Every structure is written in C-alpha cells, then in structure tokens.
Full PDB file with SEQRES, HELIX, SHEET, SSBOND, CRYST1, ORIGX, SCALE, CONECT and MASTER records, all heavy atoms in Angstrom:
SEQRES   1 A   40  ASN PRO HIS ASN VAL TYR VAL ALA SER ARG LEU GLY ILE          
SEQRES   2 A   40  PRO ARG ILE ASN ILE LEU PRO SER HIS LEU PHE SER GLY          
SEQRES   3 A   40  ASP HIS LYS GLY PRO GLN ILE GLY LEU ARG PRO GLU ASN          
SEQRES   4 A   40  ILE                                                          
HELIX    1 AA1 VAL A    5  ARG A   10  1                                   6    
HELIX    2 AA2 SER A   21  LEU A   23  5                                   3    
HELIX    3 AA3 PRO A   37  ASN A   39  5                                   3    
SHEET    1 AA1 2 ASN A  17  PRO A  20  0                                        
SHEET    2 AA1 2 GLN A  32  LEU A  35 -1                                        
CRYST1    1.000    1.000    1.000  90.00  90.00  90.00 P 1           1          
ORIGX1      1.000000  0.000000  0.000000        0.00000                         
ORIGX2      0.000000  1.000000  0.000000        0.00000                         
ORIGX3      0.000000  0.000000  1.000000        0.00000                         
SCALE1      1.000000  0.000000  0.000000        0.00000                         
SCALE2      0.000000  1.000000  0.000000        0.00000                         
SCALE3      0.000000  0.000000  1.000000        0.00000                         
ATOM      1  N   ASN A   1       0.825  -1.199   0.000  1.00  0.00           N  
ATOM      2  CA  ASN A   1       0.000   0.000   0.000  1.00  0.00           C  
ATOM      3  C   ASN A   1       0.868   1.262   0.000  1.00  0.00           C  
ATOM      4  O   ASN A   1       0.772   2.105   0.899  1.00  0.00           O  
ATOM      5  CB  ASN A   1      -0.923  -0.011   1.227  1.00  0.00           C  
ATOM      6  CG  ASN A   1      -1.971   1.082   1.175  1.00  0.00           C  
ATOM      7  OD1 ASN A   1      -2.396   1.510   0.105  1.00  0.00           O  
ATOM      8  ND2 ASN A   1      -2.391   1.539   2.348  1.00  0.00           N  
ATOM      9  N   PRO A   2       1.722   1.431  -1.015  1.00  0.00           N  
ATOM     10  CA  PRO A   2       2.609   2.607  -1.053  1.00  0.00           C  
ATOM     11  C   PRO A   2       1.820   3.882  -1.315  1.00  0.00           C  
ATOM     12  O   PRO A   2       0.833   3.873  -2.051  1.00  0.00           O  
ATOM     13  CB  PRO A   2       3.553   2.290  -2.219  1.00  0.00           C  
ATOM     14  CG  PRO A   2       2.731   1.419  -3.127  1.00  0.00           C  
ATOM     15  CD  PRO A   2       1.883   0.579  -2.214  1.00  0.00           C  
ATOM     16  N   HIS A   3       2.279   4.986  -0.733  1.00  0.00           N  
ATOM     17  CA  HIS A   3       1.571   6.256  -0.893  1.00  0.00           C  
ATOM     18  C   HIS A   3       1.854   6.932  -2.227  1.00  0.00           C  
ATOM     19  O   HIS A   3       1.061   7.764  -2.676  1.00  0.00           O  
ATOM     20  CB  HIS A   3       1.959   7.214   0.235  1.00  0.00           C  
ATOM     21  CG  HIS A   3       1.410   6.798   1.566  1.00  0.00           C  
ATOM     22  ND1 HIS A   3       1.693   7.475   2.734  1.00  0.00           N  
ATOM     23  CD2 HIS A   3       0.587   5.768   1.915  1.00  0.00           C  
ATOM     24  CE1 HIS A   3       1.067   6.885   3.742  1.00  0.00           C  
ATOM     25  NE2 HIS A   3       0.403   5.848   3.269  1.00  0.00           N  
ATOM     26  N   ASN A   4       2.989   6.607  -2.829  1.00  0.00           N  
ATOM     27  CA  ASN A   4       3.334   7.258  -4.094  1.00  0.00           C  
ATOM     28  C   ASN A   4       4.308   6.380  -4.886  1.00  0.00           C  
ATOM     29  O   ASN A   4       4.739   5.319  -4.414  1.00  0.00           O  
ATOM     30  CB  ASN A   4       3.934   8.656  -3.847  1.00  0.00           C  
ATOM     31  CG  ASN A   4       5.105   8.631  -2.880  1.00  0.00           C  
ATOM     32  OD1 ASN A   4       5.966   7.767  -2.953  1.00  0.00           O  
ATOM     33  ND2 ASN A   4       5.135   9.581  -1.960  1.00  0.00           N  
ATOM     34  N   VAL A   5       4.634   6.837  -6.091  1.00  0.00           N  
ATOM     35  CA  VAL A   5       5.517   6.073  -6.973  1.00  0.00           C  
ATOM     36  C   VAL A   5       6.897   5.909  -6.342  1.00  0.00           C  
ATOM     37  O   VAL A   5       7.521   4.840  -6.449  1.00  0.00           O  
ATOM     38  CB  VAL A   5       5.620   6.755  -8.358  1.00  0.00           C  
ATOM     39  CG1 VAL A   5       6.762   6.155  -9.180  1.00  0.00           C  
ATOM     40  CG2 VAL A   5       4.301   6.614  -9.113  1.00  0.00           C  
ATOM     41  N   TYR A   6       7.392   6.956  -5.674  1.00  0.00           N  
ATOM     42  CA  TYR A   6       8.715   6.884  -5.060  1.00  0.00           C  
ATOM     43  C   TYR A   6       8.787   5.732  -4.053  1.00  0.00           C  
ATOM     44  O   TYR A   6       9.701   4.912  -4.087  1.00  0.00           O  
ATOM     45  CB  TYR A   6       9.043   8.209  -4.373  1.00  0.00           C  
ATOM     46  CG  TYR A   6      10.363   8.202  -3.619  1.00  0.00           C  
ATOM     47  CD1 TYR A   6      11.559   8.451  -4.276  1.00  0.00           C  
ATOM     48  CD2 TYR A   6      10.391   7.942  -2.246  1.00  0.00           C  
ATOM     49  CE1 TYR A   6      12.768   8.432  -3.581  1.00  0.00           C  
ATOM     50  CE2 TYR A   6      11.590   7.920  -1.557  1.00  0.00           C  
ATOM     51  CZ  TYR A   6      12.774   8.168  -2.234  1.00  0.00           C  
ATOM     52  OH  TYR A   6      13.966   8.147  -1.548  1.00  0.00           O  
ATOM     53  N   VAL A   7       7.805   5.656  -3.165  1.00  0.00           N  
ATOM     54  CA  VAL A   7       7.786   4.593  -2.157  1.00  0.00           C  
ATOM     55  C   VAL A   7       7.609   3.233  -2.823  1.00  0.00           C  
ATOM     56  O   VAL A   7       8.291   2.263  -2.476  1.00  0.00           O  
ATOM     57  CB  VAL A   7       6.667   4.844  -1.127  1.00  0.00           C  
ATOM     58  CG1 VAL A   7       6.523   3.648  -0.186  1.00  0.00           C  
ATOM     59  CG2 VAL A   7       6.942   6.113  -0.330  1.00  0.00           C  
ATOM     60  N   ALA A   8       6.714   3.159  -3.799  1.00  0.00           N  
ATOM     61  CA  ALA A   8       6.466   1.888  -4.495  1.00  0.00           C  
ATOM     62  C   ALA A   8       7.736   1.356  -5.147  1.00  0.00           C  
ATOM     63  O   ALA A   8       7.958   0.145  -5.209  1.00  0.00           O  
ATOM     64  CB  ALA A   8       5.376   2.076  -5.545  1.00  0.00           C  
ATOM     65  N   SER A   9       8.589   2.260  -5.612  1.00  0.00           N  
ATOM     66  CA  SER A   9       9.806   1.867  -6.316  1.00  0.00           C  
ATOM     67  C   SER A   9      10.940   1.481  -5.382  1.00  0.00           C  
ATOM     68  O   SER A   9      11.946   0.928  -5.829  1.00  0.00           O  
ATOM     69  CB  SER A   9      10.274   3.007  -7.237  1.00  0.00           C  
ATOM     70  OG  SER A   9       9.289   3.308  -8.208  1.00  0.00           O  
ATOM     71  N   ARG A  10      10.797   1.773  -4.093  1.00  0.00           N  
ATOM     72  CA  ARG A  10      11.864   1.463  -3.131  1.00  0.00           C  
ATOM     73  C   ARG A  10      11.882  -0.010  -2.745  1.00  0.00           C  
ATOM     74  O   ARG A  10      12.890  -0.534  -2.303  1.00  0.00           O  
ATOM     75  CB  ARG A  10      11.716   2.321  -1.862  1.00  0.00           C  
ATOM     76  CG  ARG A  10      11.867   3.814  -2.110  1.00  0.00           C  
ATOM     77  CD  ARG A  10      13.272   4.329  -1.863  1.00  0.00           C  
ATOM     78  NE  ARG A  10      14.270   3.856  -2.788  1.00  0.00           N  
ATOM     79  CZ  ARG A  10      14.511   4.398  -3.977  1.00  0.00           C  
ATOM     80  NH1 ARG A  10      13.805   5.411  -4.406  1.00  0.00           N  
ATOM     81  NH2 ARG A  10      15.473   3.931  -4.740  1.00  0.00           N  
ATOM     82  N   LEU A  11      10.716  -0.681  -2.824  1.00  0.00           N  
ATOM     83  CA  LEU A  11      10.628  -2.078  -2.415  1.00  0.00           C  
ATOM     84  C   LEU A  11      10.159  -2.942  -3.570  1.00  0.00           C  
ATOM     85  O   LEU A  11       9.283  -2.546  -4.339  1.00  0.00           O  
ATOM     86  CB  LEU A  11       9.659  -2.239  -1.241  1.00  0.00           C  
ATOM     87  CG  LEU A  11      10.065  -1.606   0.094  1.00  0.00           C  
ATOM     88  CD1 LEU A  11       8.983  -1.848   1.131  1.00  0.00           C  
ATOM     89  CD2 LEU A  11      11.396  -2.147   0.587  1.00  0.00           C  
ATOM     90  N   GLY A  12      10.720  -4.132  -3.653  1.00  0.00           N  
ATOM     91  CA  GLY A  12      10.327  -5.073  -4.682  1.00  0.00           C  
ATOM     92  C   GLY A  12      11.430  -5.361  -5.670  1.00  0.00           C  
ATOM     93  O   GLY A  12      12.030  -4.442  -6.231  1.00  0.00           O  
ATOM     94  N   ILE A  13      11.748  -6.643  -5.848  1.00  0.00           N  
ATOM     95  CA  ILE A  13      12.737  -7.083  -6.831  1.00  0.00           C  
ATOM     96  C   ILE A  13      12.094  -8.156  -7.690  1.00  0.00           C  
ATOM     97  O   ILE A  13      11.679  -9.193  -7.172  1.00  0.00           O  
ATOM     98  CB  ILE A  13      14.003  -7.662  -6.159  1.00  0.00           C  
ATOM     99  CG1 ILE A  13      14.684  -6.593  -5.296  1.00  0.00           C  
ATOM    100  CG2 ILE A  13      14.992  -8.164  -7.197  1.00  0.00           C  
ATOM    101  CD1 ILE A  13      15.871  -7.136  -4.506  1.00  0.00           C  
ATOM    102  N   PRO A  14      11.972  -7.908  -9.006  1.00  0.00           N  
ATOM    103  CA  PRO A  14      12.274  -6.684  -9.740  1.00  0.00           C  
ATOM    104  C   PRO A  14      11.374  -5.528  -9.301  1.00  0.00           C  
ATOM    105  O   PRO A  14      10.340  -5.728  -8.676  1.00  0.00           O  
ATOM    106  CB  PRO A  14      11.984  -7.066 -11.203  1.00  0.00           C  
ATOM    107  CG  PRO A  14      11.950  -8.563 -11.218  1.00  0.00           C  
ATOM    108  CD  PRO A  14      11.473  -8.980  -9.877  1.00  0.00           C  
ATOM    109  N   ARG A  15      11.754  -4.322  -9.705  1.00  0.00           N  
ATOM    110  CA  ARG A  15      10.999  -3.141  -9.320  1.00  0.00           C  
ATOM    111  C   ARG A  15       9.612  -3.147  -9.944  1.00  0.00           C  
ATOM    112  O   ARG A  15       9.364  -3.778 -10.975  1.00  0.00           O  
ATOM    113  CB  ARG A  15      11.739  -1.873  -9.758  1.00  0.00           C  
ATOM    114  CG  ARG A  15      12.983  -1.585  -8.958  1.00  0.00           C  
ATOM    115  CD  ARG A  15      13.669  -0.330  -9.449  1.00  0.00           C  
ATOM    116  NE  ARG A  15      12.819   0.847  -9.327  1.00  0.00           N  
ATOM    117  CZ  ARG A  15      13.232   2.085  -9.601  1.00  0.00           C  
ATOM    118  NH1 ARG A  15      14.464   2.298 -10.039  1.00  0.00           N  
ATOM    119  NH2 ARG A  15      12.405   3.096  -9.462  1.00  0.00           N  
ATOM    120  N   ILE A  16       8.721  -2.392  -9.325  1.00  0.00           N  
ATOM    121  CA  ILE A  16       7.385  -2.226  -9.847  1.00  0.00           C  
ATOM    122  C   ILE A  16       7.438  -1.577 -11.230  1.00  0.00           C  
ATOM    123  O   ILE A  16       8.305  -0.737 -11.506  1.00  0.00           O  
ATOM    124  CB  ILE A  16       6.527  -1.378  -8.875  1.00  0.00           C  
ATOM    125  CG1 ILE A  16       5.055  -1.395  -9.286  1.00  0.00           C  
ATOM    126  CG2 ILE A  16       7.069   0.045  -8.774  1.00  0.00           C  
ATOM    127  CD1 ILE A  16       4.142  -0.770  -8.242  1.00  0.00           C  
ATOM    128  N   ASN A  17       6.553  -1.984 -12.114  1.00  0.00           N  
ATOM    129  CA  ASN A  17       6.445  -1.374 -13.439  1.00  0.00           C  
ATOM    130  C   ASN A  17       5.470  -0.199 -13.360  1.00  0.00           C  
ATOM    131  O   ASN A  17       4.310  -0.371 -12.972  1.00  0.00           O  
ATOM    132  CB  ASN A  17       5.904  -2.399 -14.448  1.00  0.00           C  
ATOM    133  CG  ASN A  17       6.823  -3.610 -14.589  1.00  0.00           C  
ATOM    134  OD1 ASN A  17       7.862  -3.544 -15.224  1.00  0.00           O  
ATOM    135  ND2 ASN A  17       6.416  -4.725 -13.979  1.00  0.00           N  
ATOM    136  N   ILE A  18       5.933   0.986 -13.685  1.00  0.00           N  
ATOM    137  CA  ILE A  18       5.077   2.179 -13.727  1.00  0.00           C  
ATOM    138  C   ILE A  18       4.837   2.519 -15.190  1.00  0.00           C  
ATOM    139  O   ILE A  18       5.778   2.843 -15.930  1.00  0.00           O  
ATOM    140  CB  ILE A  18       5.711   3.374 -12.992  1.00  0.00           C  
ATOM    141  CG1 ILE A  18       6.046   2.983 -11.539  1.00  0.00           C  
ATOM    142  CG2 ILE A  18       4.782   4.587 -13.037  1.00  0.00           C  
ATOM    143  CD1 ILE A  18       4.852   2.665 -10.676  1.00  0.00           C  
ATOM    144  N   LEU A  19       3.571   2.463 -15.620  1.00  0.00           N  
ATOM    145  CA  LEU A  19       3.229   2.584 -17.032  1.00  0.00           C  
ATOM    146  C   LEU A  19       2.042   3.512 -17.214  1.00  0.00           C  
ATOM    147  O   LEU A  19       1.229   3.688 -16.292  1.00  0.00           O  
ATOM    148  CB  LEU A  19       2.863   1.198 -17.596  1.00  0.00           C  
ATOM    149  CG  LEU A  19       3.910   0.096 -17.475  1.00  0.00           C  
ATOM    150  CD1 LEU A  19       3.263  -1.266 -17.661  1.00  0.00           C  
ATOM    151  CD2 LEU A  19       5.029   0.322 -18.480  1.00  0.00           C  
ATOM    152  N   PRO A  20       1.911   4.117 -18.408  1.00  0.00           N  
ATOM    153  CA  PRO A  20       0.675   4.858 -18.700  1.00  0.00           C  
ATOM    154  C   PRO A  20      -0.504   3.885 -18.672  1.00  0.00           C  
ATOM    155  O   PRO A  20      -0.451   2.819 -19.288  1.00  0.00           O  
ATOM    156  CB  PRO A  20       0.919   5.415 -20.102  1.00  0.00           C  
ATOM    157  CG  PRO A  20       2.403   5.363 -20.300  1.00  0.00           C  
ATOM    158  CD  PRO A  20       2.872   4.182 -19.523  1.00  0.00           C  
ATOM    159  N   SER A  21      -1.548   4.245 -17.974  1.00  0.00           N  
ATOM    160  CA  SER A  21      -2.662   3.302 -17.820  1.00  0.00           C  
ATOM    161  C   SER A  21      -3.409   3.056 -19.122  1.00  0.00           C  
ATOM    162  O   SER A  21      -4.054   2.012 -19.279  1.00  0.00           O  
ATOM    163  CB  SER A  21      -3.634   3.803 -16.745  1.00  0.00           C  
ATOM    164  OG  SER A  21      -4.098   5.104 -17.043  1.00  0.00           O  
ATOM    165  N   HIS A  22      -3.289   3.987 -20.104  1.00  0.00           N  
ATOM    166  CA  HIS A  22      -4.017   3.821 -21.362  1.00  0.00           C  
ATOM    167  C   HIS A  22      -3.481   2.650 -22.201  1.00  0.00           C  
ATOM    168  O   HIS A  22      -4.110   2.248 -23.184  1.00  0.00           O  
ATOM    169  CB  HIS A  22      -3.998   5.115 -22.183  1.00  0.00           C  
ATOM    170  CG  HIS A  22      -2.647   5.504 -22.702  1.00  0.00           C  
ATOM    171  ND1 HIS A  22      -2.012   4.847 -23.739  1.00  0.00           N  
ATOM    172  CD2 HIS A  22      -1.799   6.496 -22.309  1.00  0.00           C  
ATOM    173  CE1 HIS A  22      -0.847   5.403 -23.984  1.00  0.00           C  
ATOM    174  NE2 HIS A  22      -0.684   6.408 -23.124  1.00  0.00           N  
ATOM    175  N   LEU A  23      -2.330   2.101 -21.804  1.00  0.00           N  
ATOM    176  CA  LEU A  23      -1.803   0.943 -22.532  1.00  0.00           C  
ATOM    177  C   LEU A  23      -2.714  -0.278 -22.375  1.00  0.00           C  
ATOM    178  O   LEU A  23      -2.661  -1.199 -23.189  1.00  0.00           O  
ATOM    179  CB  LEU A  23      -0.396   0.596 -22.032  1.00  0.00           C  
ATOM    180  CG  LEU A  23       0.702   1.637 -22.292  1.00  0.00           C  
ATOM    181  CD1 LEU A  23       2.001   1.193 -21.643  1.00  0.00           C  
ATOM    182  CD2 LEU A  23       0.897   1.866 -23.777  1.00  0.00           C  
ATOM    183  N   PHE A  24      -3.511  -0.275 -21.307  1.00  0.00           N  
ATOM    184  CA  PHE A  24      -4.419  -1.389 -21.059  1.00  0.00           C  
ATOM    185  C   PHE A  24      -5.856  -0.907 -21.193  1.00  0.00           C  
ATOM    186  O   PHE A  24      -6.173   0.249 -20.888  1.00  0.00           O  
ATOM    187  CB  PHE A  24      -4.201  -1.966 -19.654  1.00  0.00           C  
ATOM    188  CG  PHE A  24      -2.818  -2.474 -19.411  1.00  0.00           C  
ATOM    189  CD1 PHE A  24      -1.863  -1.678 -18.810  1.00  0.00           C  
ATOM    190  CD2 PHE A  24      -2.458  -3.762 -19.799  1.00  0.00           C  
ATOM    191  CE1 PHE A  24      -0.580  -2.138 -18.586  1.00  0.00           C  
ATOM    192  CE2 PHE A  24      -1.176  -4.236 -19.576  1.00  0.00           C  
ATOM    193  CZ  PHE A  24      -0.230  -3.426 -18.982  1.00  0.00           C  
ATOM    194  N   SER A  25      -6.734  -1.780 -21.628  1.00  0.00           N  
ATOM    195  CA  SER A  25      -8.144  -1.436 -21.730  1.00  0.00           C  
ATOM    196  C   SER A  25      -8.784  -1.503 -20.345  1.00  0.00           C  
ATOM    197  O   SER A  25      -8.228  -2.087 -19.411  1.00  0.00           O  
ATOM    198  CB  SER A  25      -8.867  -2.400 -22.678  1.00  0.00           C  
ATOM    199  OG  SER A  25      -8.748  -3.734 -22.191  1.00  0.00           O  
ATOM    200  N   GLY A  26      -9.940  -0.875 -20.187  1.00  0.00           N  
ATOM    201  CA  GLY A  26     -10.653  -0.941 -18.922  1.00  0.00           C  
ATOM    202  C   GLY A  26     -10.893   0.423 -18.326  1.00  0.00           C  
ATOM    203  O   GLY A  26     -10.534   1.463 -18.910  1.00  0.00           O  
ATOM    204  N   ASP A  27     -11.495   0.443 -17.145  1.00  0.00           N  
ATOM    205  CA  ASP A  27     -11.837   1.670 -16.441  1.00  0.00           C  
ATOM    206  C   ASP A  27     -10.654   2.077 -15.562  1.00  0.00           C  
ATOM    207  O   ASP A  27     -10.414   1.486 -14.512  1.00  0.00           O  
ATOM    208  CB  ASP A  27     -13.090   1.439 -15.585  1.00  0.00           C  
ATOM    209  CG  ASP A  27     -13.511   2.694 -14.842  1.00  0.00           C  
ATOM    210  OD1 ASP A  27     -13.139   3.798 -15.276  1.00  0.00           O  
ATOM    211  OD2 ASP A  27     -14.216   2.558 -13.814  1.00  0.00           O  
ATOM    212  N   HIS A  28      -9.898   3.088 -15.995  1.00  0.00           N  
ATOM    213  CA  HIS A  28      -8.685   3.483 -15.291  1.00  0.00           C  
ATOM    214  C   HIS A  28      -8.988   4.525 -14.218  1.00  0.00           C  
ATOM    215  O   HIS A  28      -9.770   5.443 -14.434  1.00  0.00           O  
ATOM    216  CB  HIS A  28      -7.653   4.018 -16.286  1.00  0.00           C  
ATOM    217  CG  HIS A  28      -7.325   3.033 -17.371  1.00  0.00           C  
ATOM    218  ND1 HIS A  28      -6.919   1.761 -17.098  1.00  0.00           N  
ATOM    219  CD2 HIS A  28      -7.380   3.145 -18.729  1.00  0.00           C  
ATOM    220  CE1 HIS A  28      -6.716   1.111 -18.235  1.00  0.00           C  
ATOM    221  NE2 HIS A  28      -7.001   1.929 -19.237  1.00  0.00           N  
ATOM    222  N   LYS A  29      -8.322   4.377 -13.086  1.00  0.00           N  
ATOM    223  CA  LYS A  29      -8.563   5.264 -11.945  1.00  0.00           C  
ATOM    224  C   LYS A  29      -7.462   6.290 -11.787  1.00  0.00           C  
ATOM    225  O   LYS A  29      -7.419   7.005 -10.776  1.00  0.00           O  
ATOM    226  CB  LYS A  29      -8.724   4.429 -10.681  1.00  0.00           C  
ATOM    227  CG  LYS A  29      -9.888   3.440 -10.773  1.00  0.00           C  
ATOM    228  CD  LYS A  29      -9.931   2.516  -9.593  1.00  0.00           C  
ATOM    229  CE  LYS A  29     -11.155   1.605  -9.650  1.00  0.00           C  
ATOM    230  NZ  LYS A  29     -11.137   0.708 -10.824  1.00  0.00           N  
ATOM    231  N   GLY A  30      -6.557   6.348 -12.735  1.00  0.00           N  
ATOM    232  CA  GLY A  30      -5.478   7.323 -12.713  1.00  0.00           C  
ATOM    233  C   GLY A  30      -4.664   7.209 -13.979  1.00  0.00           C  
ATOM    234  O   GLY A  30      -4.711   6.180 -14.665  1.00  0.00           O  
ATOM    235  N   PRO A  31      -3.890   8.240 -14.307  1.00  0.00           N  
ATOM    236  CA  PRO A  31      -3.124   8.223 -15.555  1.00  0.00           C  
ATOM    237  C   PRO A  31      -1.932   7.279 -15.557  1.00  0.00           C  
ATOM    238  O   PRO A  31      -1.421   6.924 -16.614  1.00  0.00           O  
ATOM    239  CB  PRO A  31      -2.657   9.675 -15.702  1.00  0.00           C  
ATOM    240  CG  PRO A  31      -2.644  10.210 -14.311  1.00  0.00           C  
ATOM    241  CD  PRO A  31      -3.760   9.532 -13.595  1.00  0.00           C  
ATOM    242  N   GLN A  32      -1.473   6.860 -14.359  1.00  0.00           N  
ATOM    243  CA  GLN A  32      -0.350   5.922 -14.267  1.00  0.00           C  
ATOM    244  C   GLN A  32      -0.804   4.660 -13.532  1.00  0.00           C  
ATOM    245  O   GLN A  32      -1.533   4.734 -12.539  1.00  0.00           O  
ATOM    246  CB  GLN A  32       0.832   6.534 -13.520  1.00  0.00           C  
ATOM    247  CG  GLN A  32       1.445   7.748 -14.189  1.00  0.00           C  
ATOM    248  CD  GLN A  32       2.722   8.171 -13.493  1.00  0.00           C  
ATOM    249  OE1 GLN A  32       3.805   7.681 -13.785  1.00  0.00           O  
ATOM    250  NE2 GLN A  32       2.613   9.095 -12.553  1.00  0.00           N  
ATOM    251  N   ILE A  33      -0.367   3.528 -14.029  1.00  0.00           N  
ATOM    252  CA  ILE A  33      -0.684   2.250 -13.406  1.00  0.00           C  
ATOM    253  C   ILE A  33       0.603   1.614 -12.896  1.00  0.00           C  
ATOM    254  O   ILE A  33       1.645   1.663 -13.559  1.00  0.00           O  
ATOM    255  CB  ILE A  33      -1.411   1.322 -14.416  1.00  0.00           C  
ATOM    256  CG1 ILE A  33      -1.947   0.062 -13.723  1.00  0.00           C  
ATOM    257  CG2 ILE A  33      -0.504   0.942 -15.580  1.00  0.00           C  
ATOM    258  CD1 ILE A  33      -2.835  -0.781 -14.620  1.00  0.00           C  
ATOM    259  N   GLY A  34       0.543   1.074 -11.690  1.00  0.00           N  
ATOM    260  CA  GLY A  34       1.693   0.391 -11.114  1.00  0.00           C  
ATOM    261  C   GLY A  34       1.436  -1.097 -11.043  1.00  0.00           C  
ATOM    262  O   GLY A  34       0.438  -1.528 -10.445  1.00  0.00           O  
ATOM    263  N   LEU A  35       2.327  -1.866 -11.649  1.00  0.00           N  
ATOM    264  CA  LEU A  35       2.158  -3.319 -11.692  1.00  0.00           C  
ATOM    265  C   LEU A  35       3.416  -3.993 -11.135  1.00  0.00           C  
ATOM    266  O   LEU A  35       4.506  -3.897 -11.719  1.00  0.00           O  
ATOM    267  CB  LEU A  35       1.930  -3.798 -13.128  1.00  0.00           C  
ATOM    268  CG  LEU A  35       0.563  -3.486 -13.754  1.00  0.00           C  
ATOM    269  CD1 LEU A  35       0.558  -3.876 -15.224  1.00  0.00           C  
ATOM    270  CD2 LEU A  35      -0.533  -4.216 -13.009  1.00  0.00           C  
ATOM    271  N   ARG A  36       3.255  -4.660  -9.988  1.00  0.00           N  
ATOM    272  CA  ARG A  36       4.330  -5.514  -9.523  1.00  0.00           C  
ATOM    273  C   ARG A  36       4.492  -6.667 -10.507  1.00  0.00           C  
ATOM    274  O   ARG A  36       3.510  -7.109 -11.119  1.00  0.00           O  
ATOM    275  CB  ARG A  36       3.997  -6.081  -8.139  1.00  0.00           C  
ATOM    276  CG  ARG A  36       3.802  -5.048  -7.033  1.00  0.00           C  
ATOM    277  CD  ARG A  36       5.105  -4.516  -6.542  1.00  0.00           C  
ATOM    278  NE  ARG A  36       4.927  -3.607  -5.406  1.00  0.00           N  
ATOM    279  CZ  ARG A  36       5.889  -2.815  -4.953  1.00  0.00           C  
ATOM    280  NH1 ARG A  36       7.080  -2.826  -5.540  1.00  0.00           N  
ATOM    281  NH2 ARG A  36       5.677  -2.010  -3.933  1.00  0.00           N  
ATOM    282  N   PRO A  37       5.706  -7.170 -10.692  1.00  0.00           N  
ATOM    283  CA  PRO A  37       5.896  -8.271 -11.654  1.00  0.00           C  
ATOM    284  C   PRO A  37       4.977  -9.462 -11.409  1.00  0.00           C  
ATOM    285  O   PRO A  37       4.514 -10.094 -12.357  1.00  0.00           O  
ATOM    286  CB  PRO A  37       7.369  -8.639 -11.457  1.00  0.00           C  
ATOM    287  CG  PRO A  37       8.013  -7.374 -11.014  1.00  0.00           C  
ATOM    288  CD  PRO A  37       6.989  -6.701 -10.145  1.00  0.00           C  
ATOM    289  N   GLU A  38       4.700  -9.740 -10.123  1.00  0.00           N  
ATOM    290  CA  GLU A  38       3.835 -10.882  -9.821  1.00  0.00           C  
ATOM    291  C   GLU A  38       2.360 -10.577 -10.092  1.00  0.00           C  
ATOM    292  O   GLU A  38       1.510 -11.475 -10.019  1.00  0.00           O  
ATOM    293  CB  GLU A  38       4.017 -11.323  -8.366  1.00  0.00           C  
ATOM    294  CG  GLU A  38       3.559 -10.316  -7.328  1.00  0.00           C  
ATOM    295  CD  GLU A  38       4.629  -9.343  -6.890  1.00  0.00           C  
ATOM    296  OE1 GLU A  38       5.604  -9.160  -7.646  1.00  0.00           O  
ATOM    297  OE2 GLU A  38       4.495  -8.780  -5.791  1.00  0.00           O  
ATOM    298  N   ASN A  39       2.034  -9.305 -10.391  1.00  0.00           N  
ATOM    299  CA  ASN A  39       0.647  -8.921 -10.665  1.00  0.00           C  
ATOM    300  C   ASN A  39       0.379  -8.699 -12.149  1.00  0.00           C  
ATOM    301  O   ASN A  39      -0.565  -7.999 -12.519  1.00  0.00           O  
ATOM    302  CB  ASN A  39       0.281  -7.665  -9.875  1.00  0.00           C  
ATOM    303  CG  ASN A  39       0.149  -7.946  -8.386  1.00  0.00           C  
ATOM    304  OD1 ASN A  39      -0.045  -9.084  -7.988  1.00  0.00           O  
ATOM    305  ND2 ASN A  39       0.271  -6.924  -7.579  1.00  0.00           N  
ATOM    306  N   ILE A  40       1.206  -9.272 -12.986  1.00  0.00           N  
ATOM    307  CA  ILE A  40       0.972  -9.248 -14.432  1.00  0.00           C  
ATOM    308  C   ILE A  40       0.516 -10.637 -14.859  1.00  0.00           C  
ATOM    309  O   ILE A  40       1.192 -11.634 -14.598  1.00  0.00           O  
ATOM    310  CB  ILE A  40       2.244  -8.834 -15.191  1.00  0.00           C  
ATOM    311  CG1 ILE A  40       2.618  -7.381 -14.832  1.00  0.00           C  
ATOM    312  CG2 ILE A  40       2.040  -8.980 -16.699  1.00  0.00           C  
ATOM    313  CD1 ILE A  40       3.921  -6.923 -15.447  1.00  0.00           C  
TER     314      ILE A  40                                                      
MASTER        0    0    0    3    2    0    0    6  313    1    0    4          
END                                                                             
C-alpha cells in the first residue's frame, strides 16, 4: 500500500512497473498504473 511512486519503487525485486494506464483497456482510476511483476 505505497503512498506514491517513489515509495512503491523502493521495495520489490524486480521493481514495480510504472506505465501509462491507457496501454491497457478498462476503467482506469489514474493516468499511471503500477504493476508488480507478480501482478501481471
């Protein structure tokens, strides 16, 4: 439950993927989507 991209990027190997959310279809809740490798 990181508060921001900076915190999200501090933990996790490999690092979290930060991507434009429009790359994926669906109802997006923000312009950037964060995907841990295990959540792809």
